[in-house]
All heavy atoms as atom14 arrays in JSON, in Angstrom:
{
  "sequence": "LNKALTEAEAVTVLDAFGIACVPTRIAPDLEGAAVAARNLGYPVAVK",
  "atom14_mask": [
    [1, 1, 1, 1, 1, 1, 1, 1, 0, 0, 0, 0, 0, 0],
    [1, 1, 1, 1, 1, 1, 1, 1, 0, 0, 0, 0, 0, 0],
    [1, 1, 1, 1, 1, 1, 1, 1, 1, 0, 0, 0, 0, 0],
    [1, 1, 1, 1, 1, 0, 0, 0, 0, 0, 0, 0, 0, 0],
    [1, 1, 1, 1, 1, 1, 1, 1, 0, 0, 0, 0, 0, 0],
    [1, 1, 1, 1, 1, 1, 1, 0, 0, 0, 0, 0, 0, 0],
    [1, 1, 1, 1, 1, 1, 1, 1, 1, 0, 0, 0, 0, 0],
    [1, 1, 1, 1, 1, 0, 0, 0, 0, 0, 0, 0, 0, 0],
    [1, 1, 1, 1, 1, 1, 1, 1, 1, 0, 0, 0, 0, 0],
    [1, 1, 1, 1, 1, 0, 0, 0, 0, 0, 0, 0, 0, 0],
    [1, 1, 1, 1, 1, 1, 1, 0, 0, 0, 0, 0, 0, 0],
    [1, 1, 1, 1, 1, 1, 1, 0, 0, 0, 0, 0, 0, 0],
    [1, 1, 1, 1, 1, 1, 1, 0, 0, 0, 0, 0, 0, 0],
    [1, 1, 1, 1, 1, 1, 1, 1, 0, 0, 0, 0, 0, 0],
    [1, 1, 1, 1, 1, 1, 1, 1, 0, 0, 0, 0, 0, 0],
    [1, 1, 1, 1, 1, 0, 0, 0, 0, 0, 0, 0, 0, 0],
    [1, 1, 1, 1, 1, 1, 1, 1, 1, 1, 1, 0, 0, 0],
    [1, 1, 1, 1, 0, 0, 0, 0, 0, 0, 0, 0, 0, 0],
    [1, 1, 1, 1, 1, 1, 1, 1, 0, 0, 0, 0, 0, 0],
    [1, 1, 1, 1, 1, 0, 0, 0, 0, 0, 0, 0, 0, 0],
    [1, 1, 1, 1, 1, 1, 0, 0, 0, 0, 0, 0, 0, 0],
    [1, 1, 1, 1, 1, 1, 1, 0, 0, 0, 0, 0, 0, 0],
    [1, 1, 1, 1, 1, 1, 1, 0, 0, 0, 0, 0, 0, 0],
    [1, 1, 1, 1, 1, 1, 1, 0, 0, 0, 0, 0, 0, 0],
    [1, 1, 1, 1, 1, 1, 1, 1, 1, 1, 1, 0, 0, 0],
    [1, 1, 1, 1, 1, 1, 1, 1, 0, 0, 0, 0, 0, 0],
    [1, 1, 1, 1, 1, 0, 0, 0, 0, 0, 0, 0, 0, 0],
    [1, 1, 1, 1, 1, 1, 1, 0, 0, 0, 0, 0, 0, 0],
    [1, 1, 1, 1, 1, 1, 1, 1, 0, 0, 0, 0, 0, 0],
    [1, 1, 1, 1, 1, 1, 1, 1, 0, 0, 0, 0, 0, 0],
    [1, 1, 1, 1, 1, 1, 1, 1, 1, 0, 0, 0, 0, 0],
    [1, 1, 1, 1, 0, 0, 0, 0, 0, 0, 0, 0, 0, 0],
    [1, 1, 1, 1, 1, 0, 0, 0, 0, 0, 0, 0, 0, 0],
    [1, 1, 1, 1, 1, 0, 0, 0, 0, 0, 0, 0, 0, 0],
    [1, 1, 1, 1, 1, 1, 1, 0, 0, 0, 0, 0, 0, 0],
    [1, 1, 1, 1, 1, 0, 0, 0, 0, 0, 0, 0, 0, 0],
    [1, 1, 1, 1, 1, 0, 0, 0, 0, 0, 0, 0, 0, 0],
    [1, 1, 1, 1, 1, 1, 1, 1, 1, 1, 1, 0, 0, 0],
    [1, 1, 1, 1, 1, 1, 1, 1, 0, 0, 0, 0, 0, 0],
    [1, 1, 1, 1, 1, 1, 1, 1, 0, 0, 0, 0, 0, 0],
    [1, 1, 1, 1, 0, 0, 0, 0, 0, 0, 0, 0, 0, 0],
    [1, 1, 1, 1, 1, 1, 1, 1, 1, 1, 1, 1, 0, 0],
    [1, 1, 1, 1, 1, 1, 1, 0, 0, 0, 0, 0, 0, 0],
    [1, 1, 1, 1, 1, 1, 1, 0, 0, 0, 0, 0, 0, 0],
    [1, 1, 1, 1, 1, 0, 0, 0, 0, 0, 0, 0, 0, 0],
    [1, 1, 1, 1, 1, 1, 1, 0, 0, 0, 0, 0, 0, 0],
    [1, 1, 1, 1, 1, 1, 1, 1, 1, 0, 0, 0, 0, 0]
  ],
  "atom14_positions": [
    [[7.65, 6.41, 3.66], [7.8, 6.92, 2.3], [9.17, 6.61, 1.7], [9.36, 6.82, 0.51], [7.56, 8.43, 2.28], [6.11, 8.86, 2.54], [6.03, 10.38, 2.61], [5.17, 8.33, 1.47], [0.0, 0.0, 0.0], [0.0, 0.0, 0.0], [0.0, 0.0, 0.0], [0.0, 0.0, 0.0], [0.0, 0.0, 0.0], [0.0, 0.0, 0.0]],
    [[10.12, 6.14, 2.49], [11.44, 5.81, 1.95], [11.4, 4.45, 1.27], [11.93, 3.45, 1.79], [12.5, 5.84, 3.07], [13.21, 7.16, 3.14], [13.69, 7.66, 2.12], [13.26, 7.75, 4.31], [0.0, 0.0, 0.0], [0.0, 0.0, 0.0], [0.0, 0.0, 0.0], [0.0, 0.0, 0.0], [0.0, 0.0, 0.0], [0.0, 0.0, 0.0]],
    [[10.77, 4.4, 0.11], [10.55, 3.13, -0.59], [10.17, 3.45, -2.03], [10.2, 4.6, -2.46], [9.4, 2.38, 0.08], [8.08, 3.18, 0.02], [6.91, 2.39, 0.54], [5.61, 3.16, 0.3], [4.43, 2.4, 0.71], [0.0, 0.0, 0.0], [0.0, 0.0, 0.0], [0.0, 0.0, 0.0], [0.0, 0.0, 0.0], [0.0, 0.0, 0.0]],
    [[9.82, 2.42, -2.76], [9.27, 2.63, -4.1], [7.82, 3.07, -3.95], [6.99, 2.35, -3.38], [9.35, 1.33, -4.9], [0.0, 0.0, 0.0], [0.0, 0.0, 0.0], [0.0, 0.0, 0.0], [0.0, 0.0, 0.0], [0.0, 0.0, 0.0], [0.0, 0.0, 0.0], [0.0, 0.0, 0.0], [0.0, 0.0, 0.0], [0.0, 0.0, 0.0]],
    [[7.5, 4.26, -4.43], [6.17, 4.82, -4.25], [5.23, 4.4, -5.38], [5.65, 4.24, -6.53], [6.23, 6.35, -4.22], [7.11, 6.99, -3.14], [7.03, 8.51, -3.26], [6.7, 6.54, -1.76], [0.0, 0.0, 0.0], [0.0, 0.0, 0.0], [0.0, 0.0, 0.0], [0.0, 0.0, 0.0], [0.0, 0.0, 0.0], [0.0, 0.0, 0.0]],
    [[3.96, 4.26, -5.04], [2.96, 4.14, -6.09], [2.75, 5.51, -6.7], [3.2, 6.54, -6.16], [1.63, 3.64, -5.52], [1.09, 4.64, -4.62], [1.81, 2.33, -4.75], [0.0, 0.0, 0.0], [0.0, 0.0, 0.0], [0.0, 0.0, 0.0], [0.0, 0.0, 0.0], [0.0, 0.0, 0.0], [0.0, 0.0, 0.0], [0.0, 0.0, 0.0]],
    [[2.06, 5.56, -7.84], [1.8, 6.86, -8.47], [1.03, 7.79, -7.54], [1.34, 8.98, -7.43], [1.01, 6.67, -9.77], [1.82, 6.16, -10.93], [1.93, 4.64, -10.92], [1.51, 4.02, -9.91], [2.43, 4.08, -11.9], [0.0, 0.0, 0.0], [0.0, 0.0, 0.0], [0.0, 0.0, 0.0], [0.0, 0.0, 0.0], [0.0, 0.0, 0.0]],
    [[0.03, 7.25, -6.84], [-0.76, 8.07, -5.94], [0.1, 8.64, -4.81], [-0.01, 9.82, -4.45], [-1.92, 7.26, -5.37], [0.0, 0.0, 0.0], [0.0, 0.0, 0.0], [0.0, 0.0, 0.0], [0.0, 0.0, 0.0], [0.0, 0.0, 0.0], [0.0, 0.0, 0.0], [0.0, 0.0, 0.0], [0.0, 0.0, 0.0], [0.0, 0.0, 0.0]],
    [[0.98, 7.81, -4.25], [1.87, 8.28, -3.19], [2.84, 9.32, -3.73], [3.14, 10.32, -3.06], [2.63, 7.1, -2.6], [1.77, 6.16, -1.78], [2.5, 4.89, -1.4], [3.42, 4.48, -2.15], [2.15, 4.3, -0.37], [0.0, 0.0, 0.0], [0.0, 0.0, 0.0], [0.0, 0.0, 0.0], [0.0, 0.0, 0.0], [0.0, 0.0, 0.0]],
    [[3.34, 9.1, -4.95], [4.29, 10.05, -5.54], [3.65, 11.42, -5.74], [4.26, 12.45, -5.45], [4.81, 9.51, -6.87], [0.0, 0.0, 0.0], [0.0, 0.0, 0.0], [0.0, 0.0, 0.0], [0.0, 0.0, 0.0], [0.0, 0.0, 0.0], [0.0, 0.0, 0.0], [0.0, 0.0, 0.0], [0.0, 0.0, 0.0], [0.0, 0.0, 0.0]],
    [[2.42, 11.44, -6.24], [1.71, 12.71, -6.44], [1.53, 13.42, -5.1], [1.7, 14.63, -4.99], [0.36, 12.47, -7.13], [-0.5, 13.74, -7.08], [0.58, 12.03, -8.57], [0.0, 0.0, 0.0], [0.0, 0.0, 0.0], [0.0, 0.0, 0.0], [0.0, 0.0, 0.0], [0.0, 0.0, 0.0], [0.0, 0.0, 0.0], [0.0, 0.0, 0.0]],
    [[1.18, 12.66, -4.06], [0.99, 13.24, -2.73], [2.28, 13.85, -2.2], [2.3, 14.95, -1.65], [0.47, 12.18, -1.75], [-0.79, 11.68, -2.21], [0.29, 12.75, -0.36], [0.0, 0.0, 0.0], [0.0, 0.0, 0.0], [0.0, 0.0, 0.0], [0.0, 0.0, 0.0], [0.0, 0.0, 0.0], [0.0, 0.0, 0.0], [0.0, 0.0, 0.0]],
    [[3.4, 13.12, -2.37], [4.69, 13.63, -1.9], [5.1, 14.88, -2.66], [5.52, 15.89, -2.07], [5.78, 12.53, -2.05], [7.17, 13.12, -1.84], [5.53, 11.41, -1.05], [0.0, 0.0, 0.0], [0.0, 0.0, 0.0], [0.0, 0.0, 0.0], [0.0, 0.0, 0.0], [0.0, 0.0, 0.0], [0.0, 0.0, 0.0], [0.0, 0.0, 0.0]],
    [[4.98, 14.85, -3.98], [5.35, 16.03, -4.78], [4.51, 17.24, -4.4], [5.03, 18.36, -4.28], [5.19, 15.71, -6.27], [6.17, 14.67, -6.84], [5.83, 14.36, -8.29], [7.61, 15.14, -6.71], [0.0, 0.0, 0.0], [0.0, 0.0, 0.0], [0.0, 0.0, 0.0], [0.0, 0.0, 0.0], [0.0, 0.0, 0.0], [0.0, 0.0, 0.0]],
    [[3.22, 17.03, -4.19], [2.35, 18.13, -3.79], [2.77, 18.69, -2.43], [2.78, 19.9, -2.23], [0.9, 17.65, -3.75], [-0.06, 18.75, -3.35], [-0.24, 19.69, -4.14], [-0.62, 18.69, -2.23], [0.0, 0.0, 0.0], [0.0, 0.0, 0.0], [0.0, 0.0, 0.0], [0.0, 0.0, 0.0], [0.0, 0.0, 0.0], [0.0, 0.0, 0.0]],
    [[3.15, 17.8, -1.51], [3.57, 18.24, -0.18], [4.81, 19.11, -0.24], [5.0, 20.02, 0.58], [3.82, 17.03, 0.72], [0.0, 0.0, 0.0], [0.0, 0.0, 0.0], [0.0, 0.0, 0.0], [0.0, 0.0, 0.0], [0.0, 0.0, 0.0], [0.0, 0.0, 0.0], [0.0, 0.0, 0.0], [0.0, 0.0, 0.0], [0.0, 0.0, 0.0]],
    [[5.68, 18.87, -1.23], [6.91, 19.65, -1.38], [6.76, 20.81, -2.35], [7.73, 21.43, -2.75], [8.05, 18.74, -1.82], [8.65, 17.92, -0.7], [8.05, 16.73, -0.32], [9.78, 18.34, -0.04], [8.58, 15.97, 0.71], [10.32, 17.58, 0.99], [9.72, 16.39, 1.37], [0.0, 0.0, 0.0], [0.0, 0.0, 0.0], [0.0, 0.0, 0.0]],
    [[5.51, 21.11, -2.76], [5.26, 22.27, -3.6], [5.57, 22.08, -5.07], [5.76, 23.05, -5.79], [0.0, 0.0, 0.0], [0.0, 0.0, 0.0], [0.0, 0.0, 0.0], [0.0, 0.0, 0.0], [0.0, 0.0, 0.0], [0.0, 0.0, 0.0], [0.0, 0.0, 0.0], [0.0, 0.0, 0.0], [0.0, 0.0, 0.0], [0.0, 0.0, 0.0]],
    [[5.61, 20.82, -5.53], [5.85, 20.54, -6.94], [4.51, 20.23, -7.59], [3.87, 19.23, -7.28], [6.81, 19.36, -7.13], [8.16, 19.67, -6.45], [7.02, 19.05, -8.6], [9.13, 18.51, -6.45], [0.0, 0.0, 0.0], [0.0, 0.0, 0.0], [0.0, 0.0, 0.0], [0.0, 0.0, 0.0], [0.0, 0.0, 0.0], [0.0, 0.0, 0.0]],
    [[4.07, 21.12, -8.45], [2.74, 20.99, -9.05], [2.67, 19.79, -9.98], [3.59, 19.54, -10.76], [2.37, 22.26, -9.81], [0.0, 0.0, 0.0], [0.0, 0.0, 0.0], [0.0, 0.0, 0.0], [0.0, 0.0, 0.0], [0.0, 0.0, 0.0], [0.0, 0.0, 0.0], [0.0, 0.0, 0.0], [0.0, 0.0, 0.0], [0.0, 0.0, 0.0]],
    [[1.59, 19.04, -9.89], [1.35, 17.91, -10.78], [0.08, 18.18, -11.58], [-0.78, 18.97, -11.17], [1.17, 16.63, -9.98], [2.62, 16.13, -9.03], [0.0, 0.0, 0.0], [0.0, 0.0, 0.0], [0.0, 0.0, 0.0], [0.0, 0.0, 0.0], [0.0, 0.0, 0.0], [0.0, 0.0, 0.0], [0.0, 0.0, 0.0], [0.0, 0.0, 0.0]],
    [[-0.03, 17.53, -12.73], [-1.26, 17.68, -13.5], [-2.39, 17.06, -12.7], [-2.18, 16.16, -11.88], [-1.14, 16.99, -14.88], [-0.07, 17.66, -15.72], [-0.85, 15.51, -14.72], [0.0, 0.0, 0.0], [0.0, 0.0, 0.0], [0.0, 0.0, 0.0], [0.0, 0.0, 0.0], [0.0, 0.0, 0.0], [0.0, 0.0, 0.0], [0.0, 0.0, 0.0]],
    [[-3.64, 17.54, -12.9], [-4.78, 16.96, -12.18], [-4.85, 15.46, -12.36], [-4.75, 14.95, -13.48], [-5.98, 17.67, -12.82], [-5.44, 18.98, -13.29], [-4.04, 18.68, -13.76], [0.0, 0.0, 0.0], [0.0, 0.0, 0.0], [0.0, 0.0, 0.0], [0.0, 0.0, 0.0], [0.0, 0.0, 0.0], [0.0, 0.0, 0.0], [0.0, 0.0, 0.0]],
    [[-4.98, 14.75, -11.25], [-4.86, 13.3, -11.23], [-5.99, 12.67, -10.43], [-6.4, 13.21, -9.4], [-3.51, 12.88, -10.6], [-2.44, 13.47, -11.37], [-3.34, 11.38, -10.58], [0.0, 0.0, 0.0], [0.0, 0.0, 0.0], [0.0, 0.0, 0.0], [0.0, 0.0, 0.0], [0.0, 0.0, 0.0], [0.0, 0.0, 0.0], [0.0, 0.0, 0.0]],
    [[-6.47, 11.53, -10.91], [-7.47, 10.77, -10.18], [-7.06, 9.3, -10.16], [-6.42, 8.82, -11.09], [-8.86, 10.89, -10.82], [-9.42, 12.29, -10.89], [-9.83, 12.81, -9.53], [-10.48, 14.12, -9.63], [-9.84, 15.29, -9.68], [-8.5, 15.28, -9.65], [-10.49, 16.42, -9.77], [0.0, 0.0, 0.0], [0.0, 0.0, 0.0], [0.0, 0.0, 0.0]],
    [[-7.45, 8.6, -9.11], [-7.21, 7.17, -8.99], [-8.55, 6.45, -9.17], [-9.55, 6.84, -8.55], [-6.62, 6.81, -7.62], [-5.34, 7.6, -7.37], [-6.37, 5.31, -7.51], [-4.24, 7.32, -8.34], [0.0, 0.0, 0.0], [0.0, 0.0, 0.0], [0.0, 0.0, 0.0], [0.0, 0.0, 0.0], [0.0, 0.0, 0.0], [0.0, 0.0, 0.0]],
    [[-8.57, 5.43, -10.0], [-9.8, 4.69, -10.27], [-9.56, 3.19, -10.07], [-8.51, 2.67, -10.48], [-10.29, 4.94, -11.69], [0.0, 0.0, 0.0], [0.0, 0.0, 0.0], [0.0, 0.0, 0.0], [0.0, 0.0, 0.0], [0.0, 0.0, 0.0], [0.0, 0.0, 0.0], [0.0, 0.0, 0.0], [0.0, 0.0, 0.0], [0.0, 0.0, 0.0]],
    [[-10.51, 2.48, -9.46], [-10.3, 1.05, -9.21], [-10.55, 0.16, -10.41], [-10.11, -0.98, -10.45], [-11.32, 0.75, -8.1], [-12.43, 1.72, -8.36], [-11.76, 2.97, -8.86], [0.0, 0.0, 0.0], [0.0, 0.0, 0.0], [0.0, 0.0, 0.0], [0.0, 0.0, 0.0], [0.0, 0.0, 0.0], [0.0, 0.0, 0.0], [0.0, 0.0, 0.0]],
    [[-11.28, 0.69, -11.41], [-11.65, -0.14, -12.56], [-11.91, 0.74, -13.78], [-11.78, 1.98, -13.71], [-12.88, -0.99, -12.25], [-14.03, -0.16, -11.67], [-14.18, 1.03, -12.06], [-14.79, -0.7, -10.84], [0.0, 0.0, 0.0], [0.0, 0.0, 0.0], [0.0, 0.0, 0.0], [0.0, 0.0, 0.0], [0.0, 0.0, 0.0], [0.0, 0.0, 0.0]],
    [[-12.29, 0.12, -14.9], [-12.51, 0.86, -16.14], [-13.62, 1.88, -16.01], [-13.51, 3.01, -16.52], [-12.83, -0.12, -17.28], [-11.63, -0.72, -18.02], [-12.1, -1.73, -19.04], [-10.82, 0.37, -18.68], [0.0, 0.0, 0.0], [0.0, 0.0, 0.0], [0.0, 0.0, 0.0], [0.0, 0.0, 0.0], [0.0, 0.0, 0.0], [0.0, 0.0, 0.0]],
    [[-14.72, 1.5, -15.38], [-15.83, 2.45, -15.23], [-15.41, 3.64, -14.39], [-15.74, 4.78, -14.69], [-17.04, 1.74, -14.61], [-18.31, 2.59, -14.64], [-18.69, 3.05, -16.04], [-18.53, 2.26, -17.0], [-19.13, 4.21, -16.18], [0.0, 0.0, 0.0], [0.0, 0.0, 0.0], [0.0, 0.0, 0.0], [0.0, 0.0, 0.0], [0.0, 0.0, 0.0]],
    [[-14.65, 3.37, -13.33], [-14.15, 4.47, -12.51], [-13.2, 5.36, -13.29], [-13.18, 6.58, -13.11], [0.0, 0.0, 0.0], [0.0, 0.0, 0.0], [0.0, 0.0, 0.0], [0.0, 0.0, 0.0], [0.0, 0.0, 0.0], [0.0, 0.0, 0.0], [0.0, 0.0, 0.0], [0.0, 0.0, 0.0], [0.0, 0.0, 0.0], [0.0, 0.0, 0.0]],
    [[-12.39, 4.75, -14.16], [-11.48, 5.54, -14.98], [-12.26, 6.44, -15.94], [-11.87, 7.59, -16.18], [-10.56, 4.61, -15.77], [0.0, 0.0, 0.0], [0.0, 0.0, 0.0], [0.0, 0.0, 0.0], [0.0, 0.0, 0.0], [0.0, 0.0, 0.0], [0.0, 0.0, 0.0], [0.0, 0.0, 0.0], [0.0, 0.0, 0.0], [0.0, 0.0, 0.0]],
    [[-13.37, 5.93, -16.48], [-14.2, 6.74, -17.37], [-14.82, 7.92, -16.63], [-14.88, 9.04, -17.16], [-15.28, 5.87, -18.0], [0.0, 0.0, 0.0], [0.0, 0.0, 0.0], [0.0, 0.0, 0.0], [0.0, 0.0, 0.0], [0.0, 0.0, 0.0], [0.0, 0.0, 0.0], [0.0, 0.0, 0.0], [0.0, 0.0, 0.0], [0.0, 0.0, 0.0]],
    [[-15.27, 7.68, -15.41], [-15.83, 8.77, -14.6], [-14.75, 9.81, -14.29], [-14.98, 11.02, -14.4], [-16.43, 8.21, -13.29], [-16.83, 9.35, -12.36], [-17.63, 7.33, -13.59], [0.0, 0.0, 0.0], [0.0, 0.0, 0.0], [0.0, 0.0, 0.0], [0.0, 0.0, 0.0], [0.0, 0.0, 0.0], [0.0, 0.0, 0.0], [0.0, 0.0, 0.0]],
    [[-13.56, 9.33, -13.93], [-12.46, 10.24, -13.63], [-12.1, 11.08, -14.84], [-11.87, 12.29, -14.74], [-11.25, 9.45, -13.14], [0.0, 0.0, 0.0], [0.0, 0.0, 0.0], [0.0, 0.0, 0.0], [0.0, 0.0, 0.0], [0.0, 0.0, 0.0], [0.0, 0.0, 0.0], [0.0, 0.0, 0.0], [0.0, 0.0, 0.0], [0.0, 0.0, 0.0]],
    [[-12.05, 10.44, -16.02], [-11.7, 11.17, -17.25], [-12.75, 12.22, -17.57], [-12.42, 13.34, -17.99], [-11.56, 10.18, -18.4], [0.0, 0.0, 0.0], [0.0, 0.0, 0.0], [0.0, 0.0, 0.0], [0.0, 0.0, 0.0], [0.0, 0.0, 0.0], [0.0, 0.0, 0.0], [0.0, 0.0, 0.0], [0.0, 0.0, 0.0], [0.0, 0.0, 0.0]],
    [[-14.02, 11.88, -17.39], [-15.08, 12.85, -17.66], [-14.95, 14.05, -16.72], [-15.11, 15.2, -17.14], [-16.45, 12.19, -17.47], [-17.62, 13.13, -17.82], [-18.96, 12.5, -17.52], [-19.16, 12.32, -16.09], [-19.5, 11.18, -15.52], [-19.66, 10.07, -16.23], [-19.67, 11.1, -14.21], [0.0, 0.0, 0.0], [0.0, 0.0, 0.0], [0.0, 0.0, 0.0]],
    [[-14.65, 13.79, -15.46], [-14.53, 14.89, -14.49], [-13.3, 15.75, -14.75], [-13.33, 16.97, -14.56], [-14.48, 14.32, -13.07], [-15.8, 13.7, -12.64], [-16.85, 14.03, -13.19], [-15.76, 12.8, -11.67], [0.0, 0.0, 0.0], [0.0, 0.0, 0.0], [0.0, 0.0, 0.0], [0.0, 0.0, 0.0], [0.0, 0.0, 0.0], [0.0, 0.0, 0.0]],
    [[-12.21, 15.12, -15.19], [-10.99, 15.87, -15.47], [-11.09, 16.63, -16.78], [-10.54, 17.72, -16.92], [-9.79, 14.92, -15.54], [-9.3, 14.3, -14.23], [-8.27, 13.22, -14.51], [-8.73, 15.37, -13.31], [0.0, 0.0, 0.0], [0.0, 0.0, 0.0], [0.0, 0.0, 0.0], [0.0, 0.0, 0.0], [0.0, 0.0, 0.0], [0.0, 0.0, 0.0]],
    [[-11.78, 16.03, -17.75], [-11.86, 16.6, -19.09], [-10.87, 15.94, -20.02], [-9.69, 15.81, -19.69], [0.0, 0.0, 0.0], [0.0, 0.0, 0.0], [0.0, 0.0, 0.0], [0.0, 0.0, 0.0], [0.0, 0.0, 0.0], [0.0, 0.0, 0.0], [0.0, 0.0, 0.0], [0.0, 0.0, 0.0], [0.0, 0.0, 0.0], [0.0, 0.0, 0.0]],
    [[-11.37, 15.5, -21.17], [-10.5, 14.88, -22.17], [-9.69, 15.94, -22.9], [-10.09, 17.11, -22.94], [-11.35, 14.1, -23.17], [-11.97, 12.84, -22.62], [-13.28, 12.82, -22.16], [-11.23, 11.66, -22.55], [-13.85, 11.65, -21.65], [-11.8, 10.49, -22.05], [-13.1, 10.5, -21.6], [-13.66, 9.34, -21.11], [0.0, 0.0, 0.0], [0.0, 0.0, 0.0]],
    [[-8.53, 15.56, -23.49], [-7.9, 14.24, -23.52], [-7.2, 13.91, -22.2], [-6.82, 14.81, -21.45], [-6.9, 14.34, -24.66], [-6.51, 15.78, -24.65], [-7.75, 16.54, -24.28], [0.0, 0.0, 0.0], [0.0, 0.0, 0.0], [0.0, 0.0, 0.0], [0.0, 0.0, 0.0], [0.0, 0.0, 0.0], [0.0, 0.0, 0.0], [0.0, 0.0, 0.0]],
    [[-7.04, 12.6, -21.94], [-6.4, 12.17, -20.71], [-5.32, 11.14, -21.01], [-5.26, 10.57, -22.11], [-7.42, 11.54, -19.73], [-8.45, 12.55, -19.29], [-8.08, 10.3, -20.34], [0.0, 0.0, 0.0], [0.0, 0.0, 0.0], [0.0, 0.0, 0.0], [0.0, 0.0, 0.0], [0.0, 0.0, 0.0], [0.0, 0.0, 0.0], [0.0, 0.0, 0.0]],
    [[-4.47, 10.92, -20.02], [-3.52, 9.82, -20.03], [-3.93, 8.84, -18.94], [-4.42, 9.26, -17.88], [-2.1, 10.33, -19.75], [0.0, 0.0, 0.0], [0.0, 0.0, 0.0], [0.0, 0.0, 0.0], [0.0, 0.0, 0.0], [0.0, 0.0, 0.0], [0.0, 0.0, 0.0], [0.0, 0.0, 0.0], [0.0, 0.0, 0.0], [0.0, 0.0, 0.0]],
    [[-3.76, 7.56, -19.21], [-4.12, 6.53, -18.23], [-2.94, 5.58, -18.06], [-2.31, 5.17, -19.03], [-5.37, 5.74, -18.67], [-5.71, 4.67, -17.64], [-6.56, 6.67, -18.86], [0.0, 0.0, 0.0], [0.0, 0.0, 0.0], [0.0, 0.0, 0.0], [0.0, 0.0, 0.0], [0.0, 0.0, 0.0], [0.0, 0.0, 0.0], [0.0, 0.0, 0.0]],
    [[-2.65, 5.23, -16.8], [-1.61, 4.27, -16.48], [-2.18, 3.21, -15.55], [-3.03, 3.51, -14.71], [-0.42, 4.95, -15.78], [0.16, 6.14, -16.52], [1.21, 6.83, -15.67], [1.73, 8.1, -16.34], [2.71, 8.81, -15.49], [0.0, 0.0, 0.0], [0.0, 0.0, 0.0], [0.0, 0.0, 0.0], [0.0, 0.0, 0.0], [0.0, 0.0, 0.0]]
  ]
}
């Protein structure tokens, strides 16, 4: 973990140290992002 973290790794690390993050999902493609957004509830941010 002593490196540049991906977003998913960063969320995992912050959660492990008790720092709350907004609900987050990882999607491999646009369709997966749409499914993730529906499950999380709109409005959403995407990176």
